[in-house]
Amino acid sequence: MKPVTERRWTVREHDRETAERIARELSVDPFLARLLVNRGMADGAAAGRFLSSSLSDVSDPFLLKGMSEAVARLCVARTRGETVCVYGDYDVDGVTATALLIRFFRAVGIHCFFHIPNRFEEGYGLSEDGLRKVAERARVVVSVDCGVTAVAEAELCVSLGLDLIITDHHTPGPILPNACAVINPHQSGCSYPFKSLAGVGVAFNLMVALRGRLREEGTFVGGNEPNLREYLDLVALGTIADVVPLVGENRIFVKFGLRELTSASRVGVKALKDVAGVTGAVGCGAVGFRLAPRLNAAGRLEDATRGVELLLENELSRAATIAAELDASNAERQTIERQILADALARVQENPAMGGRKSIVLASDAWHSGVIGIVASRMVDLFHRPTVLIALQEGVGRGSGRSIPGFHLYDALDACAEHLVKFGGHRYAAGLSIDESTLESFVARFEEVSAGLLSADDLMPVLRVDAELSPHEVTAELADAVSLLEPFGAGNPEPLFVLRGMEIVQRWPIRGNHLKIRLAAAGRTFDAIGFNLAEKGAELSGAVAIAFTLGWNEWNGRKTLQLNLRDITNSGQVLDVC
């Protein structure tokens, strides 16, 4: 099996009549209207909300099934002086959700502490060991980013005298846990209109609802009401890191949360930005590639509590110390990741039996279970196949899976359930545990499911192009129009364009497998950079076609338009219409 280097380019077919109507109703550029239609806007009202979205557009949190019961129980806990434990997960979504609720509970006078499971001792989510520890100190447990499949653990809470409130966004199982309240937009009977919240988004809704109820009860007479906008930095961190669709309410949370991250009023966030070298306006890229990996590092290698402690810290020197520790853990994680990736690549490329497979499942007792999820994502990028990597230890495997469009990973694992001890997740990412004795049968069954669902076309990555342009249409004004669609991410991708008949007139050496070139056509020249495209670009001569996004390059106080290459090929590339 070889890495996939070719990509199929398809042009999004838009409804011209709808685009023209949106342009008229909103008095916006027709090309911007086309981009809005490409993002699912059916009329001017929807497009207007997209462009001018505000926090007032977020739905009533009490539409979430279970919210009234959860708020009522927390109000009782506050009145009685009962202690509440926030029981989180060890990824960035869980860490930020935990810090968010702890900060808010403290602000409104709820006695609380947090528990983040050690992934190597307790595993994912609610566990018997963890709950028994919590029961020694708490009367109420609020789970964040976990718990919706914890049926047995919920019964344990009953026997321990713990009232359990579950907040989660993962796919529920056939039976919901017996809890005081279950808040999950995916559960049957939930009328909350937006279903794609991250775990921290569900926790934020709980906070909004609780503040509203406390306000009704006259709690904030002295003007001490918490400003919920100040918590959006945490919501943005967790939402971006969990790669949920940046549409609807997620896009609103991230839009305003990025502003909070830029101002960095939170001591821990400032320290995290300092060690990551993040300055100026914070975008999704800085979160996804610089801030989130450092916040995530401790949970992957050791104990995620340091990430929560950083976000709760109010003293700058202590925050700087914790941030430095997380930065060191991230460097160690990167080293381990490179080692596992090299091993996984060798196994795939040197095994002839892998050549015809539509899935990748690999296991090793030399792999670190905290890092395999990142490597699985990298394998998907390289081979464009659903991938599950499993770290084995003493006959037990812990696995992480990542998927591709058209393949629902959770459903696929459900079809393999008889070979697994436990699994959970969603369409594109999932975790599992497995006995080593059933590993071989799981590999065979997962490949059977993959082969039944995936065609040859599914195994070729698709670049969905918004429009083919002529050189004179690539302007600063177009870049400004594109910026109105930010923030970009899963579900709201950065607009992708195509230019044909471009000539490479200059090449610059650049470290790594990256391509930096100057292109010319029709009297215009453009600087372009393409990550991991050096080998492909070196093979091309004459007229080329490029797929690119628009960006800016700032150097020595000068700002120039730059094309960020997603692919480069000969000008004969055929564009399908989708």
Protein backbone atom coordinates (compact mmCIF):
# COMPACT_ATOMS: atom_id res chain seq x y z
CA MET A 1 0.00 0.00 0.00
CA LYS A 2 1.37 3.40 -1.02
CA PRO A 3 0.41 6.86 0.21
CA VAL A 4 -2.26 8.57 -1.87
CA THR A 5 -0.79 11.44 -3.87
CA GLU A 6 -3.57 12.11 -6.38
CA ARG A 7 -6.72 14.01 -5.53
CA ARG A 8 -9.97 14.40 -7.42
CA TRP A 9 -11.04 17.99 -7.90
CA THR A 10 -14.76 18.71 -7.98
CA VAL A 11 -16.42 22.08 -8.45
CA ARG A 12 -19.37 22.81 -6.22
CA GLU A 13 -22.44 23.42 -8.37
CA HIS A 14 -24.33 26.35 -6.90
CA ASP A 15 -27.84 27.59 -7.42
CA ARG A 16 -27.31 30.79 -9.40
CA GLU A 17 -30.81 32.07 -8.79
CA THR A 18 -30.40 31.71 -5.03
CA ALA A 19 -26.98 33.37 -5.15
CA GLU A 20 -28.36 36.32 -7.13
CA ARG A 21 -31.25 36.70 -4.72
CA ILE A 22 -28.91 36.68 -1.69
CA ALA A 23 -26.67 39.26 -3.38
CA ARG A 24 -29.64 41.55 -3.95
CA GLU A 25 -31.22 41.12 -0.52
CA LEU A 26 -27.97 41.64 1.39
CA SER A 27 -26.27 44.01 -1.05
CA VAL A 28 -23.16 41.86 -1.08
CA ASP A 29 -20.77 40.92 -3.86
CA PRO A 30 -22.27 38.21 -6.12
CA PHE A 31 -19.19 36.07 -5.69
CA LEU A 32 -19.56 36.20 -1.89
CA ALA A 33 -23.21 35.19 -2.36
CA ARG A 34 -22.03 32.18 -4.37
CA LEU A 35 -19.70 31.16 -1.55
CA LEU A 36 -22.59 31.46 0.91
CA VAL A 37 -24.77 29.20 -1.24
CA ASN A 38 -21.90 26.71 -1.35
CA ARG A 39 -22.08 26.67 2.45
CA GLY A 40 -25.74 25.76 2.50
CA MET A 41 -27.38 29.17 2.71
CA ALA A 42 -30.82 28.85 1.09
CA ASP A 43 -32.00 32.47 1.40
CA GLY A 44 -30.99 35.95 2.42
CA ALA A 45 -32.16 35.52 6.00
CA ALA A 46 -29.93 32.48 6.57
CA ALA A 47 -27.00 34.15 4.82
CA GLY A 48 -27.50 37.30 6.89
CA ARG A 49 -27.44 35.33 10.13
CA PHE A 50 -24.28 33.59 8.97
CA LEU A 51 -22.48 36.86 8.22
CA SER A 52 -23.69 38.78 11.28
CA SER A 53 -24.06 35.92 13.74
CA SER A 54 -24.20 36.94 17.39
CA LEU A 55 -24.52 35.26 20.75
CA SER A 56 -28.20 36.15 20.74
CA ASP A 57 -28.64 33.58 17.96
CA VAL A 58 -27.80 30.70 20.32
CA SER A 59 -30.76 28.51 21.28
CA ASP A 60 -32.40 28.39 24.70
CA PRO A 61 -30.33 25.89 26.74
CA PHE A 62 -33.49 24.57 28.39
CA LEU A 63 -34.40 23.00 25.04
CA LEU A 64 -31.76 20.40 25.89
CA LYS A 65 -33.52 17.39 27.34
CA GLY A 66 -32.54 16.91 30.98
CA MET A 67 -31.44 20.52 31.49
CA SER A 68 -34.25 21.48 33.89
CA GLU A 69 -33.51 18.48 36.12
CA ALA A 70 -29.79 19.17 36.10
CA VAL A 71 -30.21 22.85 36.99
CA ALA A 72 -32.68 22.06 39.75
CA ARG A 73 -30.29 19.56 41.35
CA LEU A 74 -27.35 21.97 41.19
CA CYS A 75 -29.43 24.72 42.77
CA VAL A 76 -30.26 22.36 45.64
CA ALA A 77 -26.58 21.48 46.00
CA ARG A 78 -25.72 25.16 46.21
CA THR A 79 -28.40 25.84 48.82
CA ARG A 80 -27.41 22.86 50.96
CA GLY A 81 -23.68 23.46 50.65
CA GLU A 82 -23.17 20.04 49.05
CA THR A 83 -19.93 19.34 47.22
CA VAL A 84 -20.07 18.79 43.46
CA CYS A 85 -17.43 16.93 41.47
CA VAL A 86 -16.88 17.78 37.80
CA TYR A 87 -15.74 14.52 36.22
CA GLY A 88 -14.02 15.23 32.91
CA ASP A 89 -12.17 13.61 30.07
CA TYR A 90 -8.45 13.86 29.36
CA ASP A 91 -8.60 15.49 25.92
CA VAL A 92 -8.79 19.25 25.27
CA ASP A 93 -12.58 19.17 24.99
CA GLY A 94 -12.88 17.49 28.38
CA VAL A 95 -10.17 19.62 30.00
CA THR A 96 -11.71 22.90 28.89
CA ALA A 97 -15.23 21.78 29.85
CA THR A 98 -13.95 20.80 33.30
CA ALA A 99 -12.17 24.12 33.84
CA LEU A 100 -15.22 26.03 32.59
CA LEU A 101 -17.65 24.45 35.08
CA ILE A 102 -15.22 24.58 37.99
CA ARG A 103 -14.63 28.29 37.43
CA PHE A 104 -18.34 28.98 37.11
CA PHE A 105 -19.36 26.86 40.11
CA ARG A 106 -16.81 28.69 42.25
CA ALA A 107 -18.09 32.04 40.96
CA VAL A 108 -21.68 31.26 42.01
CA GLY A 109 -20.83 29.69 45.36
CA ILE A 110 -21.02 25.95 44.63
CA HIS A 111 -18.46 23.87 46.54
CA CYS A 112 -16.66 21.82 43.93
CA PHE A 113 -13.57 19.93 42.82
CA PHE A 114 -12.66 18.06 39.65
CA HIS A 115 -11.56 14.60 38.68
CA ILE A 116 -9.84 13.78 35.40
CA PRO A 117 -9.18 10.06 34.92
CA ASN A 118 -5.65 8.93 34.24
CA ARG A 119 -6.00 7.21 30.87
CA PHE A 120 -3.43 4.56 31.81
CA GLU A 121 -4.99 3.63 35.15
CA GLU A 122 -8.73 4.34 34.83
CA GLY A 123 -9.27 4.51 31.07
CA TYR A 124 -11.78 6.72 29.29
CA GLY A 125 -14.83 8.18 31.01
CA LEU A 126 -16.57 7.22 34.24
CA SER A 127 -14.91 4.27 35.98
CA GLU A 128 -15.51 2.32 39.16
CA ASP A 129 -12.18 3.35 40.68
CA GLY A 130 -12.70 6.99 39.82
CA LEU A 131 -16.24 7.13 41.16
CA ARG A 132 -15.28 5.46 44.42
CA LYS A 133 -12.63 8.14 44.94
CA VAL A 134 -15.12 10.87 44.12
CA ALA A 135 -17.75 9.43 46.49
CA GLU A 136 -15.45 10.09 49.43
CA ARG A 137 -15.79 13.84 48.92
CA ALA A 138 -18.85 14.64 46.76
CA ARG A 139 -22.60 14.29 46.81
CA VAL A 140 -23.19 15.24 43.15
CA VAL A 141 -21.16 14.31 40.06
CA VAL A 142 -21.36 16.24 36.80
CA SER A 143 -19.70 14.45 33.90
CA VAL A 144 -18.40 16.49 30.97
CA ASP A 145 -17.53 15.08 27.54
CA CYS A 146 -18.24 11.55 28.75
CA GLY A 147 -20.80 9.35 30.47
CA VAL A 148 -23.60 8.80 27.98
CA THR A 149 -22.75 5.08 27.61
CA ALA A 150 -21.78 4.53 31.28
CA VAL A 151 -24.79 2.37 32.21
CA ALA A 152 -23.03 0.19 34.78
CA GLU A 153 -21.15 3.15 36.27
CA ALA A 154 -24.43 5.04 36.72
CA GLU A 155 -25.80 2.14 38.76
CA LEU A 156 -22.65 2.27 40.87
CA CYS A 157 -23.36 5.97 41.55
CA VAL A 158 -26.79 5.00 42.86
CA SER A 159 -25.26 2.47 45.25
CA LEU A 160 -22.64 5.00 46.38
CA GLY A 161 -25.24 7.68 47.08
CA LEU A 162 -23.98 9.92 44.29
CA ASP A 163 -26.43 11.94 42.20
CA LEU A 164 -25.11 11.80 38.64
CA ILE A 165 -25.64 14.51 36.01
CA ILE A 166 -24.30 13.53 32.59
CA THR A 167 -23.31 16.13 30.00
CA ASP A 168 -21.93 14.59 26.83
CA HIS A 169 -21.99 14.89 23.04
CA HIS A 170 -20.98 11.38 21.99
CA THR A 171 -23.35 8.91 20.38
CA PRO A 172 -25.68 7.37 23.01
CA GLY A 173 -26.01 3.60 23.27
CA PRO A 174 -29.32 1.73 23.12
CA ILE A 175 -29.85 2.26 26.87
CA LEU A 176 -29.28 5.56 28.63
CA PRO A 177 -27.64 5.51 32.07
CA ASN A 178 -29.87 5.77 35.13
CA ALA A 179 -28.88 9.30 36.10
CA CYS A 180 -30.40 12.33 37.78
CA ALA A 181 -30.19 14.01 34.36
CA VAL A 182 -28.71 13.18 30.97
CA ILE A 183 -27.90 16.16 28.73
CA ASN A 184 -26.88 15.18 25.22
CA PRO A 185 -28.32 16.73 22.04
CA HIS A 186 -28.14 13.34 20.31
CA GLN A 187 -30.44 11.53 22.73
CA SER A 188 -33.90 10.61 21.61
CA GLY A 189 -36.53 13.23 22.37
CA CYS A 190 -34.11 16.15 22.69
CA SER A 191 -35.59 19.25 21.02
CA TYR A 192 -32.38 21.29 20.97
CA PRO A 193 -32.06 22.26 17.29
CA PHE A 194 -28.26 22.18 16.98
CA LYS A 195 -26.87 18.67 17.38
CA SER A 196 -23.14 19.11 16.72
CA LEU A 197 -21.99 20.71 19.97
CA ALA A 198 -18.63 19.73 21.42
CA GLY A 199 -18.54 18.51 25.01
CA VAL A 200 -17.50 21.97 26.17
CA GLY A 201 -20.45 23.42 24.22
CA VAL A 202 -22.86 21.21 26.17
CA ALA A 203 -21.17 22.26 29.43
CA PHE A 204 -21.45 25.92 28.41
CA ASN A 205 -25.19 25.47 27.89
CA LEU A 206 -25.47 24.03 31.40
CA MET A 207 -23.66 27.11 32.70
CA VAL A 208 -25.96 29.47 30.78
CA ALA A 209 -29.06 27.70 32.07
CA LEU A 210 -27.83 27.65 35.66
CA ARG A 211 -26.94 31.33 35.59
CA GLY A 212 -30.41 32.12 34.24
CA ARG A 213 -32.09 30.16 37.02
CA LEU A 214 -29.92 31.78 39.72
CA ARG A 215 -30.72 35.19 38.25
CA GLU A 216 -34.45 34.41 38.55
CA GLU A 217 -33.89 33.50 42.19
CA GLY A 218 -32.26 36.87 42.88
CA THR A 219 -28.79 35.48 43.51
CA PHE A 220 -26.90 38.30 41.79
CA VAL A 221 -28.41 41.32 43.54
CA GLY A 222 -24.97 42.69 44.39
CA GLY A 223 -23.85 42.89 40.79
CA ASN A 224 -21.68 39.77 41.00
CA GLU A 225 -23.25 37.99 38.05
CA PRO A 226 -20.64 36.09 35.98
CA ASN A 227 -20.03 37.39 32.46
CA LEU A 228 -20.49 34.34 30.26
CA ARG A 229 -18.61 35.93 27.35
CA GLU A 230 -15.41 35.61 29.40
CA TYR A 231 -15.77 31.80 29.33
CA LEU A 232 -15.84 31.59 25.55
CA ASP A 233 -12.07 31.26 25.26
CA LEU A 234 -12.43 27.83 26.85
CA VAL A 235 -15.36 26.97 24.60
CA ALA A 236 -13.36 27.92 21.51
CA LEU A 237 -10.33 25.89 22.61
CA GLY A 238 -12.35 22.73 23.18
CA THR A 239 -14.59 23.13 20.14
CA ILE A 240 -11.73 23.65 17.67
CA ALA A 241 -9.61 20.89 19.22
CA ASP A 242 -12.45 18.35 19.00
CA VAL A 243 -12.88 19.04 15.26
CA VAL A 244 -16.66 19.32 15.44
CA PRO A 245 -18.32 21.20 12.54
CA LEU A 246 -17.74 24.96 12.74
CA VAL A 247 -21.29 25.77 11.72
CA GLY A 248 -24.31 27.07 13.61
CA GLU A 249 -23.69 27.59 17.28
CA ASN A 250 -20.18 26.16 17.18
CA ARG A 251 -19.19 28.87 14.71
CA ILE A 252 -20.70 31.53 16.96
CA PHE A 253 -18.90 30.22 20.04
CA VAL A 254 -15.59 30.06 18.18
CA LYS A 255 -16.04 33.47 16.54
CA PHE A 256 -16.39 35.21 19.89
CA GLY A 257 -14.11 32.82 21.74
CA LEU A 258 -11.20 33.66 19.44
CA ARG A 259 -11.56 37.29 20.50
CA GLU A 260 -11.25 36.23 24.14
CA LEU A 261 -8.20 34.12 23.28
CA THR A 262 -6.64 37.10 21.51
CA SER A 263 -7.09 39.37 24.53
CA ALA A 264 -5.88 36.55 26.83
CA SER A 265 -7.39 37.94 30.01
CA ARG A 266 -7.10 34.47 31.54
CA VAL A 267 -3.68 33.97 33.16
CA GLY A 268 -3.35 30.35 32.07
CA VAL A 269 -4.24 31.15 28.47
CA LYS A 270 -1.63 33.93 28.39
CA ALA A 271 1.03 31.54 29.67
CA LEU A 272 0.00 28.92 27.12
CA LYS A 273 0.22 31.46 24.28
CA ASP A 274 3.65 32.55 25.47
CA VAL A 275 5.20 29.06 25.38
CA ALA A 276 3.52 28.35 22.03
CA GLY A 277 4.76 31.60 20.49
CA VAL A 278 1.25 32.75 19.60
CA THR A 279 0.99 36.52 19.17
CA GLY A 280 -1.48 38.87 17.56
CA ALA A 281 -4.96 37.82 16.52
CA VAL A 282 -5.58 34.16 17.39
CA GLY A 283 -7.11 32.05 14.63
CA CYS A 284 -8.28 28.46 14.39
CA GLY A 285 -4.91 27.39 13.04
CA ALA A 286 -3.07 28.69 16.09
CA VAL A 287 -5.51 26.85 18.35
CA GLY A 288 -5.46 23.59 16.41
CA PHE A 289 -1.73 23.35 15.80
CA ARG A 290 -0.10 25.26 18.66
CA LEU A 291 -2.31 25.79 21.71
CA ALA A 292 -4.42 22.63 21.76
CA PRO A 293 -1.52 20.14 21.30
CA ARG A 294 0.27 21.59 24.31
CA LEU A 295 -2.87 21.55 26.43
CA ASN A 296 -3.44 17.97 25.29
CA ALA A 297 0.10 16.73 25.84
CA ALA A 298 -0.07 15.97 29.55
CA GLY A 299 -3.19 13.85 29.18
CA ARG A 300 -1.64 11.87 26.36
CA LEU A 301 1.57 11.03 28.21
CA GLU A 302 0.79 11.27 31.92
CA ASP A 303 -2.01 13.11 33.72
CA ALA A 304 -4.36 15.67 32.18
CA THR A 305 -4.96 17.42 35.51
CA ARG A 306 -2.07 19.79 34.72
CA GLY A 307 -4.06 21.15 31.80
CA VAL A 308 -7.05 21.91 34.03
CA GLU A 309 -4.77 23.42 36.67
CA LEU A 310 -3.28 25.75 34.06
CA LEU A 311 -6.72 27.01 33.04
CA LEU A 312 -7.72 27.51 36.67
CA GLU A 313 -4.50 29.23 37.74
CA ASN A 314 -4.66 32.92 38.67
CA GLU A 315 -0.97 33.51 39.50
CA LEU A 316 1.22 34.26 36.49
CA SER A 317 4.47 32.67 37.67
CA ARG A 318 2.76 29.40 38.59
CA ALA A 319 0.89 29.42 35.28
CA ALA A 320 4.18 29.96 33.43
CA THR A 321 5.69 26.95 35.23
CA ILE A 322 2.78 24.69 34.29
CA ALA A 323 2.79 25.94 30.70
CA ALA A 324 6.51 25.17 30.43
CA GLU A 325 5.83 21.63 31.68
CA LEU A 326 3.11 21.19 29.06
CA ASP A 327 5.44 22.51 26.38
CA ALA A 328 8.09 19.95 27.38
CA SER A 329 5.47 17.19 27.37
CA ASN A 330 4.41 18.25 23.89
CA ALA A 331 7.99 17.98 22.61
CA GLU A 332 8.22 14.50 24.10
CA ARG A 333 4.88 13.60 22.52
CA GLN A 334 6.14 14.71 19.12
CA THR A 335 9.19 12.45 19.42
CA ILE A 336 7.06 9.44 20.37
CA GLU A 337 4.61 10.25 17.59
CA ARG A 338 7.38 10.25 14.96
CA GLN A 339 8.60 6.86 16.18
CA ILE A 340 5.14 5.26 16.07
CA LEU A 341 4.39 6.78 12.67
CA ALA A 342 7.62 5.41 11.21
CA ASP A 343 6.78 1.94 12.56
CA ALA A 344 3.20 2.06 11.28
CA LEU A 345 4.33 3.24 7.84
CA ALA A 346 6.83 0.42 7.57
CA ARG A 347 4.18 -2.15 8.49
CA VAL A 348 1.80 -0.88 5.83
CA GLN A 349 4.29 -0.33 3.03
CA GLU A 350 6.35 -3.50 3.53
CA ASN A 351 3.44 -5.92 3.89
CA PRO A 352 2.13 -7.06 0.47
CA ALA A 353 -1.11 -8.24 2.08
CA MET A 354 -2.02 -4.61 2.88
CA GLY A 355 -2.11 -3.63 -0.80
CA GLY A 356 -5.72 -4.49 -1.55
CA ARG A 357 -7.25 -3.51 1.78
CA LYS A 358 -9.72 -0.69 2.28
CA SER A 359 -8.91 -0.26 5.97
CA ILE A 360 -5.84 -0.14 8.18
CA VAL A 361 -5.79 -1.86 11.57
CA LEU A 362 -2.42 -2.22 13.29
CA ALA A 363 -1.40 -3.19 16.83
CA SER A 364 1.83 -3.20 18.81
CA ASP A 365 2.95 -3.64 22.39
CA ALA A 366 5.65 -1.00 21.76
CA TRP A 367 3.21 1.85 21.11
CA HIS A 368 2.11 4.53 23.57
CA SER A 369 -1.67 4.48 23.91
CA GLY A 370 -1.82 8.22 24.51
CA VAL A 371 -0.35 9.10 21.12
CA ILE A 372 -1.85 6.56 18.71
CA GLY A 373 -4.89 8.73 17.97
CA ILE A 374 -2.68 11.46 16.51
CA VAL A 375 -0.79 8.88 14.45
CA ALA A 376 -4.07 7.38 13.22
CA SER A 377 -5.05 10.83 11.93
CA ARG A 378 -1.73 11.10 10.13
CA MET A 379 -2.22 7.66 8.56
CA VAL A 380 -5.65 8.72 7.29
CA ASP A 381 -4.05 11.82 5.76
CA LEU A 382 -1.48 9.64 4.00
CA PHE A 383 -3.55 6.66 2.87
CA HIS A 384 -7.14 7.96 2.95
CA ARG A 385 -8.51 4.82 4.59
CA PRO A 386 -10.31 4.34 7.91
CA THR A 387 -7.55 3.54 10.39
CA VAL A 388 -7.47 1.97 13.84
CA LEU A 389 -4.22 1.78 15.80
CA ILE A 390 -4.08 -0.33 18.96
CA ALA A 391 -1.56 -0.20 21.80
CA LEU A 392 -1.24 -3.60 23.49
CA GLN A 393 -0.29 -4.19 27.11
CA GLU A 394 -0.54 -7.48 28.98
CA GLY A 395 -3.11 -8.93 26.60
CA VAL A 396 -5.36 -5.85 26.51
CA GLY A 397 -5.48 -3.34 23.69
CA ARG A 398 -6.52 0.30 23.73
CA GLY A 399 -7.27 1.64 20.30
CA SER A 400 -7.95 4.94 18.57
CA GLY A 401 -9.64 5.21 15.20
CA ARG A 402 -10.01 7.94 12.61
CA SER A 403 -12.11 7.91 9.48
CA ILE A 404 -12.77 9.46 6.06
CA PRO A 405 -15.88 11.01 4.47
CA GLY A 406 -18.47 8.39 3.61
CA PHE A 407 -17.48 6.01 6.41
CA HIS A 408 -19.19 6.29 9.81
CA LEU A 409 -16.57 4.97 12.22
CA TYR A 410 -18.85 4.52 15.22
CA ASP A 411 -21.36 2.55 13.16
CA ALA A 412 -18.54 0.41 11.75
CA LEU A 413 -17.28 -0.40 15.25
CA ASP A 414 -20.84 -1.21 16.27
CA ALA A 415 -20.87 -3.80 13.48
CA CYS A 416 -17.72 -5.27 15.05
CA ALA A 417 -19.00 -5.09 18.63
CA GLU A 418 -18.78 -8.84 19.29
CA HIS A 419 -14.99 -8.59 18.96
CA LEU A 420 -14.60 -5.58 21.25
CA VAL A 421 -14.76 -5.05 25.00
CA LYS A 422 -15.88 -1.44 24.75
CA PHE A 423 -16.03 1.37 22.20
CA GLY A 424 -17.36 4.88 21.82
CA GLY A 425 -17.06 7.99 19.67
CA HIS A 426 -18.66 9.41 16.56
CA ARG A 427 -18.44 9.50 12.76
CA TYR A 428 -14.81 10.50 12.36
CA ALA A 429 -13.11 9.53 15.62
CA ALA A 430 -13.56 6.76 18.15
CA GLY A 431 -11.82 4.83 20.89
CA LEU A 432 -12.01 1.17 21.82
CA SER A 433 -10.69 -1.54 24.11
CA ILE A 434 -10.11 -5.10 22.98
CA ASP A 435 -8.73 -8.41 24.23
CA GLU A 436 -5.65 -9.39 22.28
CA SER A 437 -7.20 -12.82 21.73
CA THR A 438 -9.92 -11.31 19.51
CA LEU A 439 -7.63 -8.93 17.63
CA GLU A 440 -7.30 -11.06 14.51
CA SER A 441 -11.06 -11.55 14.19
CA PHE A 442 -11.62 -7.81 14.69
CA VAL A 443 -9.13 -6.96 11.93
CA ALA A 444 -10.94 -9.31 9.54
CA ARG A 445 -14.42 -8.04 10.45
CA PHE A 446 -13.43 -4.36 10.24
CA GLU A 447 -11.98 -4.92 6.79
CA GLU A 448 -15.15 -6.78 5.78
CA VAL A 449 -17.28 -3.82 6.90
CA SER A 450 -14.96 -1.34 5.16
CA ALA A 451 -14.93 -3.32 1.90
CA GLY A 452 -18.71 -3.46 1.92
CA LEU A 453 -19.11 0.28 2.33
CA LEU A 454 -16.21 1.87 0.45
CA SER A 455 -15.75 2.04 -3.31
CA ALA A 456 -12.53 2.84 -5.17
CA ASP A 457 -13.74 6.43 -5.57
CA ASP A 458 -14.19 6.71 -1.80
CA LEU A 459 -10.50 5.92 -1.35
CA MET A 460 -9.36 8.94 -3.37
CA PRO A 461 -9.38 12.25 -1.49
CA VAL A 462 -11.66 14.89 -2.94
CA LEU A 463 -10.90 18.60 -3.10
CA ARG A 464 -14.20 20.45 -3.28
CA VAL A 465 -13.52 23.60 -5.26
CA ASP A 466 -15.69 26.67 -4.84
CA ALA A 467 -14.81 28.23 -8.18
CA GLU A 468 -12.36 28.23 -11.05
CA LEU A 469 -10.88 31.72 -11.41
CA SER A 470 -8.95 33.69 -13.96
CA PRO A 471 -5.75 35.41 -12.79
CA HIS A 472 -7.33 38.89 -12.80
CA GLU A 473 -10.01 37.67 -10.34
CA VAL A 474 -7.44 36.80 -7.65
CA THR A 475 -7.37 40.09 -5.75
CA ALA A 476 -7.11 41.58 -2.29
CA GLU A 477 -10.83 42.34 -2.53
CA LEU A 478 -11.56 38.65 -3.00
CA ALA A 479 -9.43 37.83 0.05
CA ASP A 480 -11.39 40.39 2.08
CA ALA A 481 -14.69 38.85 0.93
CA VAL A 482 -13.46 35.38 1.89
CA SER A 483 -12.51 36.61 5.37
CA LEU A 484 -16.18 37.40 6.07
CA LEU A 485 -16.84 33.64 6.19
CA GLU A 486 -14.39 33.01 9.04
CA PRO A 487 -13.76 31.19 11.31
CA PHE A 488 -12.92 28.22 9.09
CA GLY A 489 -12.78 24.60 10.13
CA ALA A 490 -14.60 21.31 9.82
CA GLY A 491 -18.01 21.92 8.21
CA ASN A 492 -17.05 25.46 7.17
CA PRO A 493 -13.93 24.95 5.06
CA GLU A 494 -11.85 27.79 3.74
CA PRO A 495 -12.96 28.53 0.15
CA LEU A 496 -10.89 26.60 -2.38
CA PHE A 497 -10.16 27.96 -5.85
CA VAL A 498 -8.50 26.76 -9.05
CA LEU A 499 -6.23 28.51 -11.55
CA ARG A 500 -5.13 26.84 -14.77
CA GLY A 501 -2.39 27.60 -17.27
CA MET A 502 0.02 28.94 -14.67
CA GLU A 503 3.75 28.94 -15.33
CA ILE A 504 6.29 28.32 -12.59
CA VAL A 505 8.78 31.17 -13.03
CA GLN A 506 10.76 30.83 -9.82
CA ARG A 507 11.44 28.28 -7.10
CA TRP A 508 12.85 28.90 -3.64
CA PRO A 509 14.54 26.30 -1.45
CA ILE A 510 12.62 25.62 1.72
CA ARG A 511 13.15 23.15 4.55
CA GLY A 512 11.09 19.97 4.61
CA ASN A 513 8.92 18.54 1.87
CA HIS A 514 7.44 21.94 1.09
CA LEU A 515 7.10 23.88 -2.15
CA LYS A 516 7.61 27.64 -2.47
CA ILE A 517 7.20 29.04 -5.95
CA ARG A 518 6.24 32.07 -8.01
CA LEU A 519 3.56 31.60 -10.66
CA ALA A 520 2.70 33.76 -13.63
CA ALA A 521 -0.12 34.03 -16.17
CA ALA A 522 -1.96 36.77 -18.07
CA GLY A 523 0.47 39.44 -16.87
CA ARG A 524 0.01 38.62 -13.17
CA THR A 525 2.39 36.93 -10.76
CA PHE A 526 1.63 35.22 -7.46
CA ASP A 527 3.76 33.81 -4.69
CA ALA A 528 2.57 30.40 -3.53
CA ILE A 529 3.48 27.89 -0.85
CA GLY A 530 2.43 24.26 -0.63
CA PHE A 531 3.11 22.08 2.38
CA ASN A 532 4.16 18.50 1.61
CA LEU A 533 4.05 19.24 -2.12
CA ALA A 534 7.78 19.55 -2.93
CA GLU A 535 8.09 16.13 -4.54
CA LYS A 536 4.95 16.54 -6.61
CA GLY A 537 5.91 20.05 -7.69
CA ALA A 538 9.41 18.99 -8.71
CA GLU A 539 7.97 16.63 -11.32
CA LEU A 540 6.01 19.35 -13.11
CA SER A 541 7.04 21.67 -15.89
CA GLY A 542 5.25 23.88 -18.34
CA ALA A 543 1.68 24.98 -17.62
CA VAL A 544 0.24 23.79 -14.32
CA ALA A 545 -3.11 23.92 -12.57
CA ILE A 546 -3.33 24.73 -8.88
CA ALA A 547 -5.97 24.32 -6.19
CA PHE A 548 -5.45 26.93 -3.49
CA THR A 549 -6.84 29.05 -0.70
CA LEU A 550 -6.14 32.76 -0.34
CA GLY A 551 -3.90 34.09 2.38
CA TRP A 552 -1.56 36.89 3.32
CA ASN A 553 2.18 36.86 3.80
CA GLU A 554 3.57 39.48 6.18
CA TRP A 555 7.31 40.15 6.06
CA ASN A 556 9.28 43.21 7.18
CA GLY A 557 6.10 45.19 7.62
CA ARG A 558 4.90 44.39 4.10
CA LYS A 559 1.67 42.46 3.49
CA THR A 560 1.25 40.63 0.19
CA LEU A 561 -1.29 38.20 -1.21
CA GLN A 562 -0.16 34.57 -1.05
CA LEU A 563 -1.69 31.44 -2.55
CA ASN A 564 -1.73 28.50 -0.17
CA LEU A 565 -1.53 25.44 -2.39
CA ARG A 566 -3.65 22.41 -1.63
CA ASP A 567 -2.67 20.58 -4.83
CA ILE A 568 -0.71 21.16 -8.04
CA THR A 569 -0.86 19.19 -11.25
CA ASN A 570 -0.78 19.52 -15.01
CA SER A 571 -3.31 21.79 -16.66
CA GLY A 572 -5.18 18.81 -18.08
CA GLN A 573 -6.72 18.12 -14.65
CA VAL A 574 -10.44 17.47 -15.16
CA LEU A 575 -12.85 19.19 -12.78
CA ASP A 576 -15.97 17.21 -11.97
CA VAL A 577 -19.15 18.99 -10.95
CA CYS A 578 -20.76 18.00 -7.65
